[in-house]
Every structure is written in C-alpha cells, then in structure tokens.
Amino acid sequence: MAETKQSNDNNKVSAIPTKREIWRQFSNDDLVRQANHITDHEMAMLQRTALLGECHSPKDLLFMLTVIRQGDDSR
C-alpha cells in the first residue's frame, strides 16, 4: 500500500511517494541493480544516504550512486 504525504493545498492528500517508498522500489528492482552493477556495499551506502537527503525518485538514487562511485577510490 502506498504511503501518502499531506499537501498544503487545501489539505488534500496526494500520492507523493515517501523516501522509504522510493527506497523500497529501487532496492527491489533487480534489473536496475544488475544493469548498473550495484554492489552490496554500494546498496548499503545508498540506503543510508537515501533516507537523509532529498529523494524524489529512483533516478535520484542513481545520481547518488554516481557521486558515491566518484568518491570511492577502490572502484
């Protein structure tokens, strides 16, 4: 079941996905993980960062993956 956030627009409830919902969608997508060769270590790092900052879609998580990889000298 989708979580919702309350909008300030006349107290309407909209189906804006939460950070946790976006993370669940991303982390359960095996095709994306395989296509991007995402390691378990990277998934753990992404999970921590996904819940801290602004995350509006799975594409934001792929951007964060790029940033993580640029900062990881062992890759």
PDB file of N, CA and C in Angstrom:
ATOM      1  N   MET A   1       0.838  -1.179   0.000  1.00  0.00           N
ATOM      2  CA  MET A   1       0.000   0.000   0.000  1.00  0.00           C
ATOM      3  C   MET A   1       0.882   1.241   0.000  1.00  0.00           C
ATOM      4  N   ALA A   2       0.544   2.220  -0.815  1.00  0.00           N
ATOM      5  CA  ALA A   2       1.350   3.422  -0.937  1.00  0.00           C
ATOM      6  C   ALA A   2       1.135   4.351   0.245  1.00  0.00           C
ATOM      7  N   GLU A   3       2.250   4.856   0.743  1.00  0.00           N
ATOM      8  CA  GLU A   3       2.167   5.861   1.795  1.00  0.00           C
ATOM      9  C   GLU A   3       1.871   7.197   1.129  1.00  0.00           C
ATOM     10  N   THR A   4       1.295   8.101   1.871  1.00  0.00           N
ATOM     11  CA  THR A   4       0.986   9.406   1.297  1.00  0.00           C
ATOM     12  C   THR A   4       1.485  10.508   2.200  1.00  0.00           C
ATOM     13  N   LYS A   5       1.661  11.665   1.598  1.00  0.00           N
ATOM     14  CA  LYS A   5       2.024  12.864   2.336  1.00  0.00           C
ATOM     15  C   LYS A   5       0.892  13.864   2.190  1.00  0.00           C
ATOM     16  N   GLN A   6       0.670  14.636   3.213  1.00  0.00           N
ATOM     17  CA  GLN A   6      -0.376  15.654   3.174  1.00  0.00           C
ATOM     18  C   GLN A   6       0.167  16.883   2.459  1.00  0.00           C
ATOM     19  N   SER A   7      -0.579  17.384   1.519  1.00  0.00           N
ATOM     20  CA  SER A   7      -0.222  18.582   0.774  1.00  0.00           C
ATOM     21  C   SER A   7      -0.787  19.804   1.493  1.00  0.00           C
ATOM     22  N   ASN A   8      -0.139  20.949   1.320  1.00  0.00           N
ATOM     23  CA  ASN A   8      -0.640  22.185   1.912  1.00  0.00           C
ATOM     24  C   ASN A   8      -1.780  22.789   1.094  1.00  0.00           C
ATOM     25  N   ASP A   9      -2.089  22.215  -0.049  1.00  0.00           N
ATOM     26  CA  ASP A   9      -3.113  22.728  -0.943  1.00  0.00           C
ATOM     27  C   ASP A   9      -4.493  22.277  -0.477  1.00  0.00           C
ATOM     28  N   ASN A  10      -5.133  23.064   0.349  1.00  0.00           N
ATOM     29  CA  ASN A  10      -6.475  22.778   0.865  1.00  0.00           C
ATOM     30  C   ASN A  10      -6.566  21.428   1.568  1.00  0.00           C
ATOM     31  N   ASN A  11      -5.475  21.043   2.235  1.00  0.00           N
ATOM     32  CA  ASN A  11      -5.415  19.793   2.993  1.00  0.00           C
ATOM     33  C   ASN A  11      -5.727  18.549   2.175  1.00  0.00           C
ATOM     34  N   LYS A  12      -5.446  18.582   0.890  1.00  0.00           N
ATOM     35  CA  LYS A  12      -5.635  17.409   0.040  1.00  0.00           C
ATOM     36  C   LYS A  12      -4.503  16.418   0.304  1.00  0.00           C
ATOM     37  N   VAL A  13      -4.817  15.159   0.233  1.00  0.00           N
ATOM     38  CA  VAL A  13      -3.810  14.123   0.385  1.00  0.00           C
ATOM     39  C   VAL A  13      -3.430  13.656  -1.009  1.00  0.00           C
ATOM     40  N   SER A  14      -2.130  13.669  -1.291  1.00  0.00           N
ATOM     41  CA  SER A  14      -1.667  13.261  -2.611  1.00  0.00           C
ATOM     42  C   SER A  14      -0.806  12.010  -2.490  1.00  0.00           C
ATOM     43  N   ALA A  15      -0.600  11.354  -3.592  1.00  0.00           N
ATOM     44  CA  ALA A  15       0.175  10.112  -3.619  1.00  0.00           C
ATOM     45  C   ALA A  15       1.640  10.395  -3.907  1.00  0.00           C
ATOM     46  N   ILE A  16       2.225  11.334  -3.183  1.00  0.00           N
ATOM     47  CA  ILE A  16       3.646  11.630  -3.330  1.00  0.00           C
ATOM     48  C   ILE A  16       4.402  10.531  -2.600  1.00  0.00           C
ATOM     49  N   PRO A  17       5.287   9.810  -3.308  1.00  0.00           N
ATOM     50  CA  PRO A  17       5.999   8.715  -2.633  1.00  0.00           C
ATOM     51  C   PRO A  17       6.948   9.241  -1.555  1.00  0.00           C
ATOM     52  N   THR A  18       7.033   8.516  -0.461  1.00  0.00           N
ATOM     53  CA  THR A  18       7.939   8.876   0.623  1.00  0.00           C
ATOM     54  C   THR A  18       9.343   8.366   0.291  1.00  0.00           C
ATOM     55  N   LYS A  19      10.324   8.825   1.052  1.00  0.00           N
ATOM     56  CA  LYS A  19      11.699   8.366   0.861  1.00  0.00           C
ATOM     57  C   LYS A  19      11.779   6.855   1.014  1.00  0.00           C
ATOM     58  N   ARG A  20      11.096   6.345   2.018  1.00  0.00           N
ATOM     59  CA  ARG A  20      11.121   4.889   2.261  1.00  0.00           C
ATOM     60  C   ARG A  20      10.488   4.115   1.106  1.00  0.00           C
ATOM     61  N   GLU A  21       9.420   4.658   0.568  1.00  0.00           N
ATOM     62  CA  GLU A  21       8.742   4.015  -0.556  1.00  0.00           C
ATOM     63  C   GLU A  21       9.636   4.007  -1.800  1.00  0.00           C
ATOM     64  N   ILE A  22      10.312   5.128  -2.041  1.00  0.00           N
ATOM     65  CA  ILE A  22      11.238   5.216  -3.173  1.00  0.00           C
ATOM     66  C   ILE A  22      12.381   4.225  -2.980  1.00  0.00           C
ATOM     67  N   TRP A  23      12.901   4.145  -1.750  1.00  0.00           N
ATOM     68  CA  TRP A  23      13.985   3.200  -1.472  1.00  0.00           C
ATOM     69  C   TRP A  23      13.515   1.767  -1.710  1.00  0.00           C
ATOM     70  N   ARG A  24      12.320   1.433  -1.228  1.00  0.00           N
ATOM     71  CA  ARG A  24      11.780   0.083  -1.423  1.00  0.00           C
ATOM     72  C   ARG A  24      11.679  -0.256  -2.901  1.00  0.00           C
ATOM     73  N   GLN A  25      11.168   0.675  -3.687  1.00  0.00           N
ATOM     74  CA  GLN A  25      11.023   0.458  -5.129  1.00  0.00           C
ATOM     75  C   GLN A  25      12.391   0.230  -5.768  1.00  0.00           C
ATOM     76  N   PHE A  26      13.346   1.075  -5.436  1.00  0.00           N
ATOM     77  CA  PHE A  26      14.687   0.979  -6.008  1.00  0.00           C
ATOM     78  C   PHE A  26      15.388  -0.311  -5.574  1.00  0.00           C
ATOM     79  N   SER A  27      15.360  -0.610  -4.293  1.00  0.00           N
ATOM     80  CA  SER A  27      16.105  -1.752  -3.776  1.00  0.00           C
ATOM     81  C   SER A  27      15.525  -3.093  -4.218  1.00  0.00           C
ATOM     82  N   ASN A  28      14.254  -3.113  -4.584  1.00  0.00           N
ATOM     83  CA  ASN A  28      13.639  -4.347  -5.063  1.00  0.00           C
ATOM     84  C   ASN A  28      13.727  -4.532  -6.574  1.00  0.00           C
ATOM     85  N   ASP A  29      14.331  -3.575  -7.269  1.00  0.00           N
ATOM     86  CA  ASP A  29      14.440  -3.637  -8.728  1.00  0.00           C
ATOM     87  C   ASP A  29      15.757  -4.309  -9.122  1.00  0.00           C
ATOM     88  N   ASP A  30      15.713  -5.627  -9.257  1.00  0.00           N
ATOM     89  CA  ASP A  30      16.919  -6.393  -9.589  1.00  0.00           C
ATOM     90  C   ASP A  30      17.497  -6.020 -10.952  1.00  0.00           C
ATOM     91  N   LEU A  31      16.642  -5.646 -11.905  1.00  0.00           N
ATOM     92  CA  LEU A  31      17.135  -5.280 -13.238  1.00  0.00           C
ATOM     93  C   LEU A  31      18.005  -4.025 -13.187  1.00  0.00           C
ATOM     94  N   VAL A  32      17.570  -3.034 -12.418  1.00  0.00           N
ATOM     95  CA  VAL A  32      18.359  -1.798 -12.276  1.00  0.00           C
ATOM     96  C   VAL A  32      19.682  -2.109 -11.581  1.00  0.00           C
ATOM     97  N   ARG A  33      19.620  -2.929 -10.549  1.00  0.00           N
ATOM     98  CA  ARG A  33      20.836  -3.275  -9.813  1.00  0.00           C
ATOM     99  C   ARG A  33      21.827  -4.007 -10.711  1.00  0.00           C
ATOM    100  N   GLN A  34      21.347  -4.954 -11.491  1.00  0.00           N
ATOM    101  CA  GLN A  34      22.230  -5.703 -12.396  1.00  0.00           C
ATOM    102  C   GLN A  34      22.768  -4.817 -13.516  1.00  0.00           C
ATOM    103  N   ALA A  35      21.898  -4.005 -14.105  1.00  0.00           N
ATOM    104  CA  ALA A  35      22.315  -3.146 -15.221  1.00  0.00           C
ATOM    105  C   ALA A  35      23.374  -2.135 -14.803  1.00  0.00           C
ATOM    106  N   ASN A  36      23.328  -1.710 -13.530  1.00  0.00           N
ATOM    107  CA  ASN A  36      24.275  -0.714 -13.037  1.00  0.00           C
ATOM    108  C   ASN A  36      25.390  -1.320 -12.194  1.00  0.00           C
ATOM    109  N   HIS A  37      25.416  -2.650 -12.112  1.00  0.00           N
ATOM    110  CA  HIS A  37      26.462  -3.372 -11.369  1.00  0.00           C
ATOM    111  C   HIS A  37      26.616  -2.817  -9.952  1.00  0.00           C
ATOM    112  N   ILE A  38      25.492  -2.685  -9.246  1.00  0.00           N
ATOM    113  CA  ILE A  38      25.492  -2.106  -7.900  1.00  0.00           C
ATOM    114  C   ILE A  38      25.856  -3.196  -6.893  1.00  0.00           C
ATOM    115  N   THR A  39      26.910  -2.959  -6.137  1.00  0.00           N
ATOM    116  CA  THR A  39      27.387  -3.933  -5.151  1.00  0.00           C
ATOM    117  C   THR A  39      26.583  -3.833  -3.860  1.00  0.00           C
ATOM    118  N   ASP A  40      26.746  -4.844  -2.993  1.00  0.00           N
ATOM    119  CA  ASP A  40      26.088  -4.815  -1.686  1.00  0.00           C
ATOM    120  C   ASP A  40      26.564  -3.613  -0.872  1.00  0.00           C
ATOM    121  N   HIS A  41      27.861  -3.322  -0.959  1.00  0.00           N
ATOM    122  CA  HIS A  41      28.430  -2.171  -0.240  1.00  0.00           C
ATOM    123  C   HIS A  41      27.783  -0.866  -0.721  1.00  0.00           C
ATOM    124  N   GLU A  42      27.633  -0.720  -2.032  1.00  0.00           N
ATOM    125  CA  GLU A  42      27.005   0.487  -2.577  1.00  0.00           C
ATOM    126  C   GLU A  42      25.537   0.574  -2.166  1.00  0.00           C
ATOM    127  N   MET A  43      24.841  -0.551  -2.141  1.00  0.00           N
ATOM    128  CA  MET A  43      23.439  -0.547  -1.710  1.00  0.00           C
ATOM    129  C   MET A  43      23.328  -0.072  -0.261  1.00  0.00           C
ATOM    130  N   ALA A  44      24.236  -0.530   0.593  1.00  0.00           N
ATOM    131  CA  ALA A  44      24.213  -0.111   1.994  1.00  0.00           C
ATOM    132  C   ALA A  44      24.450   1.391   2.102  1.00  0.00           C
ATOM    133  N   MET A  45      25.396   1.906   1.318  1.00  0.00           N
ATOM    134  CA  MET A  45      25.673   3.347   1.341  1.00  0.00           C
ATOM    135  C   MET A  45      24.477   4.129   0.801  1.00  0.00           C
ATOM    136  N   LEU A  46      23.871   3.636  -0.267  1.00  0.00           N
ATOM    137  CA  LEU A  46      22.712   4.306  -0.842  1.00  0.00           C
ATOM    138  C   LEU A  46      21.535   4.324   0.128  1.00  0.00           C
ATOM    139  N   GLN A  47      21.349   3.237   0.843  1.00  0.00           N
ATOM    140  CA  GLN A  47      20.244   3.188   1.795  1.00  0.00           C
ATOM    141  C   GLN A  47      20.391   4.250   2.867  1.00  0.00           C
ATOM    142  N   ARG A  48      21.597   4.405   3.380  1.00  0.00           N
ATOM    143  CA  ARG A  48      21.830   5.423   4.416  1.00  0.00           C
ATOM    144  C   ARG A  48      21.625   6.831   3.864  1.00  0.00           C
ATOM    145  N   THR A  49      22.143   7.099   2.682  1.00  0.00           N
ATOM    146  CA  THR A  49      22.024   8.453   2.126  1.00  0.00           C
ATOM    147  C   THR A  49      20.620   8.738   1.625  1.00  0.00           C
ATOM    148  N   ALA A  50      19.910   7.731   1.143  1.00  0.00           N
ATOM    149  CA  ALA A  50      18.558   7.938   0.605  1.00  0.00           C
ATOM    150  C   ALA A  50      17.607   8.448   1.665  1.00  0.00           C
ATOM    151  N   LEU A  51      17.785   8.011   2.884  1.00  0.00           N
ATOM    152  CA  LEU A  51      16.867   8.400   3.939  1.00  0.00           C
ATOM    153  C   LEU A  51      17.253   9.728   4.590  1.00  0.00           C
ATOM    154  N   LEU A  52      18.433  10.258   4.252  1.00  0.00           N
ATOM    155  CA  LEU A  52      18.892  11.515   4.844  1.00  0.00           C
ATOM    156  C   LEU A  52      18.483  12.738   4.029  1.00  0.00           C
ATOM    157  N   GLY A  53      18.702  12.693   2.713  1.00  0.00           N
ATOM    158  CA  GLY A  53      18.513  13.879   1.899  1.00  0.00           C
ATOM    159  C   GLY A  53      17.241  13.859   1.080  1.00  0.00           C
ATOM    160  N   GLU A  54      17.183  14.761   0.131  1.00  0.00           N
ATOM    161  CA  GLU A  54      16.035  14.847  -0.760  1.00  0.00           C
ATOM    162  C   GLU A  54      16.097  13.705  -1.766  1.00  0.00           C
ATOM    163  N   CYS A  55      15.031  12.978  -1.856  1.00  0.00           N
ATOM    164  CA  CYS A  55      14.953  11.852  -2.769  1.00  0.00           C
ATOM    165  C   CYS A  55      13.535  11.812  -3.321  1.00  0.00           C
ATOM    166  N   HIS A  56      13.398  12.133  -4.610  1.00  0.00           N
ATOM    167  CA  HIS A  56      12.073  12.224  -5.209  1.00  0.00           C
ATOM    168  C   HIS A  56      11.748  11.073  -6.144  1.00  0.00           C
ATOM    169  N   SER A  57      12.791  10.334  -6.556  1.00  0.00           N
ATOM    170  CA  SER A  57      12.565   9.221  -7.481  1.00  0.00           C
ATOM    171  C   SER A  57      13.771   8.288  -7.459  1.00  0.00           C
ATOM    172  N   PRO A  58      13.619   7.103  -8.032  1.00  0.00           N
ATOM    173  CA  PRO A  58      14.768   6.194  -8.140  1.00  0.00           C
ATOM    174  C   PRO A  58      15.932   6.808  -8.929  1.00  0.00           C
ATOM    175  N   LYS A  59      15.639   7.733  -9.831  1.00  0.00           N
ATOM    176  CA  LYS A  59      16.718   8.400 -10.592  1.00  0.00           C
ATOM    177  C   LYS A  59      17.637   9.179  -9.652  1.00  0.00           C
ATOM    178  N   ASP A  60      17.075   9.734  -8.590  1.00  0.00           N
ATOM    179  CA  ASP A  60      17.893  10.439  -7.602  1.00  0.00           C
ATOM    180  C   ASP A  60      18.888   9.477  -6.957  1.00  0.00           C
ATOM    181  N   LEU A  61      18.456   8.230  -6.739  1.00  0.00           N
ATOM    182  CA  LEU A  61      19.353   7.236  -6.151  1.00  0.00           C
ATOM    183  C   LEU A  61      20.469   6.864  -7.120  1.00  0.00           C
ATOM    184  N   LEU A  62      20.167   6.821  -8.407  1.00  0.00           N
ATOM    185  CA  LEU A  62      21.223   6.551  -9.393  1.00  0.00           C
ATOM    186  C   LEU A  62      22.225   7.706  -9.441  1.00  0.00           C
ATOM    187  N   PHE A  63      21.747   8.928  -9.272  1.00  0.00           N
ATOM    188  CA  PHE A  63      22.653  10.074  -9.192  1.00  0.00           C
ATOM    189  C   PHE A  63      23.557   9.942  -7.973  1.00  0.00           C
ATOM    190  N   MET A  64      22.958   9.570  -6.825  1.00  0.00           N
ATOM    191  CA  MET A  64      23.762   9.391  -5.611  1.00  0.00           C
ATOM    192  C   MET A  64      24.785   8.275  -5.799  1.00  0.00           C
ATOM    193  N   LEU A  65      24.420   7.229  -6.534  1.00  0.00           N
ATOM    194  CA  LEU A  65      25.357   6.145  -6.821  1.00  0.00           C
ATOM    195  C   LEU A  65      26.570   6.685  -7.580  1.00  0.00           C
ATOM    196  N   THR A  66      26.334   7.543  -8.550  1.00  0.00           N
ATOM    197  CA  THR A  66      27.431   8.149  -9.313  1.00  0.00           C
ATOM    198  C   THR A  66      28.356   8.934  -8.395  1.00  0.00           C
ATOM    199  N   VAL A  67      27.777   9.709  -7.490  1.00  0.00           N
ATOM    200  CA  VAL A  67      28.570  10.501  -6.543  1.00  0.00           C
ATOM    201  C   VAL A  67      29.375   9.580  -5.627  1.00  0.00           C
ATOM    202  N   ILE A  68      28.741   8.523  -5.135  1.00  0.00           N
ATOM    203  CA  ILE A  68      29.437   7.564  -4.272  1.00  0.00           C
ATOM    204  C   ILE A  68      30.617   6.940  -5.016  1.00  0.00           C
ATOM    205  N   ARG A  69      30.386   6.561  -6.251  1.00  0.00           N
ATOM    206  CA  ARG A  69      31.459   5.923  -7.032  1.00  0.00           C
ATOM    207  C   ARG A  69      32.602   6.897  -7.318  1.00  0.00           C
ATOM    208  N   GLN A  70      32.315   8.151  -7.521  1.00  0.00           N
ATOM    209  CA  GLN A  70      33.364   9.130  -7.766  1.00  0.00           C
ATOM    210  C   GLN A  70      34.205   9.339  -6.518  1.00  0.00           C
ATOM    211  N   GLY A  71      33.622   9.178  -5.347  1.00  0.00           N
ATOM    212  CA  GLY A  71      34.356   9.357  -4.093  1.00  0.00           C
ATOM    213  C   GLY A  71      35.020   8.095  -3.585  1.00  0.00           C
ATOM    214  N   ASP A  72      34.749   6.961  -4.229  1.00  0.00           N
ATOM    215  CA  ASP A  72      35.289   5.679  -3.801  1.00  0.00           C
ATOM    216  C   ASP A  72      36.508   5.339  -4.639  1.00  0.00           C
ATOM    217  N   ASP A  73      37.686   5.517  -4.068  1.00  0.00           N
ATOM    218  CA  ASP A  73      38.936   5.289  -4.795  1.00  0.00           C
ATOM    219  C   ASP A  73      39.192   3.815  -5.110  1.00  0.00           C
ATOM    220  N   SER A  74      38.512   2.917  -4.393  1.00  0.00           N
ATOM    221  CA  SER A  74      38.783   1.487  -4.600  1.00  0.00           C
ATOM    222  C   SER A  74      38.080   0.937  -5.835  1.00  0.00           C
ATOM    223  N   ARG A  75      37.237   1.672  -6.458  1.00  0.00           N
ATOM    224  CA  ARG A  75      36.475   1.201  -7.621  1.00  0.00           C
ATOM    225  C   ARG A  75      37.258   1.333  -8.881  1.00  0.00           C
TER     226      ARG A  75
END
